Amino acid sequence: MFDKNAKKTKHEADKKSSLLKPAKYGKGETKTLSSTLSTTIGPSINIKGELSGGEDLIIQGSVEGTIKLLDNSVSVGEHGQIQADVFARNITVQGELSGDLHGTEKVTVTSSGRIKGNIIAPRVVLEDGASFKGSIDMENKPATSTISPTTDNTPSKAKIA
């Protein structure tokens, strides 16, 4: 009379589709739940290699290699120890990081953060007490100009009617 498999499949389908439904955050602001997900690498975890994905990452453990989360945020917790180049939208360092940081929006080094490497981002925050050894590149790429420079030093002549 009842098909248990059909119910289970429908429940699993509802559960999967609910992960992508917009969540309400007050005053009409909505985000898909998948954009609010984050993964934590705990203090006892050691990873060597390349990390990539589509959600925010919090690192309390040890990572060696490359971290590529271009559309997401990476946070290095106070116990995090990173030897990697990091590519992300926003990067926050509270722990220790050796490598280059490439933030498309912002890089923040808190008072407990220690960095040996270069920071490339349009916005950089170094809190009082942060340790940093390297260079910072905050240069915005200039838009291509439609004005071409004149080849001679004579002023242009204008006609007045």
Protein backbone atom coordinates (compact mmCIF):
# COMPACT_ATOMS: atom_id res chain seq x y z
CA MET A 1 0.00 0.00 0.00
CA PHE A 2 2.82 2.44 0.88
CA ASP A 3 5.97 2.53 -1.15
CA LYS A 4 8.75 3.32 1.35
CA ASN A 5 11.29 3.85 -1.41
CA ALA A 6 9.13 6.48 -3.13
CA LYS A 7 8.71 8.42 0.14
CA LYS A 8 12.41 8.24 0.86
CA THR A 9 13.29 9.44 -2.63
CA LYS A 10 10.81 12.33 -2.42
CA HIS A 11 12.16 13.31 1.03
CA GLU A 12 15.76 13.18 -0.23
CA ALA A 13 14.81 15.30 -3.26
CA ASP A 14 13.08 17.86 -1.02
CA LYS A 15 16.12 17.92 1.27
CA LYS A 16 18.53 18.50 -1.65
CA SER A 17 16.39 21.22 -3.25
CA SER A 18 16.03 23.05 0.08
CA LEU A 19 19.78 23.65 0.12
CA LEU A 20 19.47 25.95 -2.88
CA LYS A 21 16.28 27.77 -1.86
CA PRO A 22 16.73 31.44 -0.99
CA ALA A 23 16.97 32.09 2.74
CA LYS A 24 15.42 35.30 4.12
CA TYR A 25 17.64 37.63 6.14
CA GLY A 26 15.25 40.47 6.99
CA LYS A 27 14.17 43.56 5.01
CA GLY A 28 13.89 41.62 1.75
CA GLU A 29 17.56 40.54 1.67
CA THR A 30 17.89 36.99 0.38
CA LYS A 31 20.82 34.73 -0.26
CA THR A 32 20.94 31.16 -1.41
CA LEU A 33 21.86 28.87 1.43
CA SER A 34 24.78 27.46 -0.55
CA SER A 35 26.43 30.92 -0.57
CA THR A 36 26.36 31.00 3.25
CA LEU A 37 28.03 27.61 3.73
CA SER A 38 31.51 27.38 5.14
CA THR A 39 33.93 24.58 5.84
CA THR A 40 36.26 24.41 8.81
CA ILE A 41 39.61 22.65 8.83
CA GLY A 42 40.10 21.78 12.48
CA PRO A 43 43.32 22.22 14.50
CA SER A 44 44.30 18.54 14.24
CA ILE A 45 44.00 18.41 10.42
CA ASN A 46 47.08 18.67 8.15
CA ILE A 47 46.59 19.10 4.41
CA LYS A 48 49.21 19.14 1.63
CA GLY A 49 48.22 20.03 -1.92
CA GLU A 50 45.71 22.31 -3.64
CA LEU A 51 42.45 23.33 -2.00
CA SER A 52 39.65 24.64 -4.19
CA GLY A 53 35.91 24.89 -3.88
CA GLY A 54 32.79 27.00 -3.88
CA GLU A 55 32.26 27.94 -0.24
CA ASP A 56 33.97 29.93 2.48
CA LEU A 57 36.85 28.25 4.32
CA ILE A 58 38.00 28.60 7.94
CA ILE A 59 41.41 27.08 8.67
CA GLN A 60 42.41 26.22 12.22
CA GLY A 61 44.80 23.45 11.17
CA SER A 62 47.81 23.22 8.87
CA VAL A 63 47.76 23.66 5.09
CA GLU A 64 50.73 23.46 2.72
CA GLY A 65 50.34 24.12 -1.02
CA THR A 66 47.80 26.37 -2.78
CA ILE A 67 44.35 27.61 -1.73
CA LYS A 68 42.05 28.77 -4.57
CA LEU A 69 38.60 30.00 -3.57
CA LEU A 70 38.28 32.91 -5.98
CA ASP A 71 34.61 33.70 -5.28
CA ASN A 72 34.72 33.04 -1.55
CA SER A 73 36.42 34.02 1.70
CA VAL A 74 39.33 32.34 3.45
CA SER A 75 39.91 32.86 7.18
CA VAL A 76 43.05 31.62 8.93
CA GLY A 77 42.16 31.12 12.59
CA GLU A 78 44.48 31.85 15.52
CA HIS A 79 45.74 28.24 15.50
CA GLY A 80 46.05 28.07 11.71
CA GLN A 81 49.50 27.50 10.20
CA ILE A 82 49.59 28.01 6.44
CA GLN A 83 52.45 27.62 3.97
CA ALA A 84 50.57 28.40 0.78
CA ASP A 85 49.65 30.99 -1.78
CA VAL A 86 46.05 32.03 -1.19
CA PHE A 87 43.65 33.25 -3.91
CA ALA A 88 40.24 34.40 -2.62
CA ARG A 89 37.74 37.24 -2.62
CA ASN A 90 38.35 38.15 1.04
CA ILE A 91 41.21 36.86 3.19
CA THR A 92 41.47 37.26 6.97
CA VAL A 93 44.58 36.12 8.85
CA GLN A 94 44.54 35.61 12.62
CA GLY A 95 47.18 32.88 12.67
CA GLU A 96 50.45 32.28 10.84
CA LEU A 97 50.80 32.38 7.05
CA SER A 98 53.85 32.07 4.82
CA GLY A 99 53.04 32.75 1.15
CA ASP A 100 51.45 35.31 -1.13
CA LEU A 101 47.90 36.55 -0.57
CA HIS A 102 45.81 37.49 -3.63
CA GLY A 103 42.51 39.07 -2.54
CA THR A 104 40.12 40.37 -5.18
CA GLU A 105 38.30 42.53 -2.60
CA LYS A 106 40.13 42.75 0.75
CA VAL A 107 42.90 41.26 2.88
CA THR A 108 42.81 41.73 6.67
CA VAL A 109 45.61 40.84 9.08
CA THR A 110 44.39 40.97 12.68
CA SER A 111 46.47 41.82 15.73
CA SER A 112 47.31 38.13 16.25
CA GLY A 113 48.13 37.54 12.56
CA ARG A 114 51.68 36.84 11.31
CA ILE A 115 52.48 36.99 7.58
CA LYS A 116 55.67 36.38 5.61
CA GLY A 117 54.83 37.07 1.99
CA ASN A 118 53.28 39.56 -0.38
CA ILE A 119 49.76 40.96 -0.31
CA ILE A 120 48.02 41.85 -3.56
CA ALA A 121 44.55 43.35 -3.04
CA PRO A 122 42.68 46.62 -3.67
CA ARG A 123 42.01 47.01 0.09
CA VAL A 124 44.38 45.94 2.88
CA VAL A 125 43.89 46.22 6.65
CA LEU A 126 46.80 45.67 9.06
CA GLU A 127 45.57 45.88 12.64
CA ASP A 128 47.77 47.26 15.40
CA GLY A 129 50.01 44.41 16.61
CA ALA A 130 49.93 42.42 13.36
CA SER A 131 53.26 41.03 12.13
CA PHE A 132 53.99 41.45 8.43
CA LYS A 133 57.13 40.96 6.33
CA GLY A 134 56.74 41.43 2.59
CA SER A 135 55.29 43.88 0.13
CA ILE A 136 51.81 45.24 -0.47
CA ASP A 137 50.42 45.96 -3.93
CA MET A 138 47.16 47.91 -3.85
CA GLU A 139 47.41 49.38 -7.33
CA ASN A 140 44.09 49.52 -9.12
CA LYS A 141 44.38 48.67 -12.77
CA PRO A 142 43.75 51.85 -14.73
CA ALA A 143 40.97 51.94 -17.28
CA THR A 144 42.16 52.25 -20.84
CA SER A 145 42.10 55.87 -21.88
CA THR A 146 40.38 57.01 -25.02
CA ILE A 147 42.45 60.20 -25.05
CA SER A 148 45.65 59.88 -27.01
CA PRO A 149 48.57 62.11 -26.14
CA THR A 150 49.52 64.81 -28.62
CA THR A 151 52.79 64.38 -30.43
CA ASP A 152 53.68 68.05 -30.55
CA ASN A 153 53.77 70.68 -27.86
CA THR A 154 51.58 73.21 -29.69
CA PRO A 155 48.23 74.06 -28.10
CA SER A 156 45.18 73.03 -30.05
CA LYS A 157 43.30 75.74 -31.95
CA ALA A 158 39.60 76.19 -31.39
CA LYS A 159 37.19 78.10 -33.61
CA ILE A 160 34.86 80.50 -31.91
CA ALA A 161 31.71 81.42 -33.84
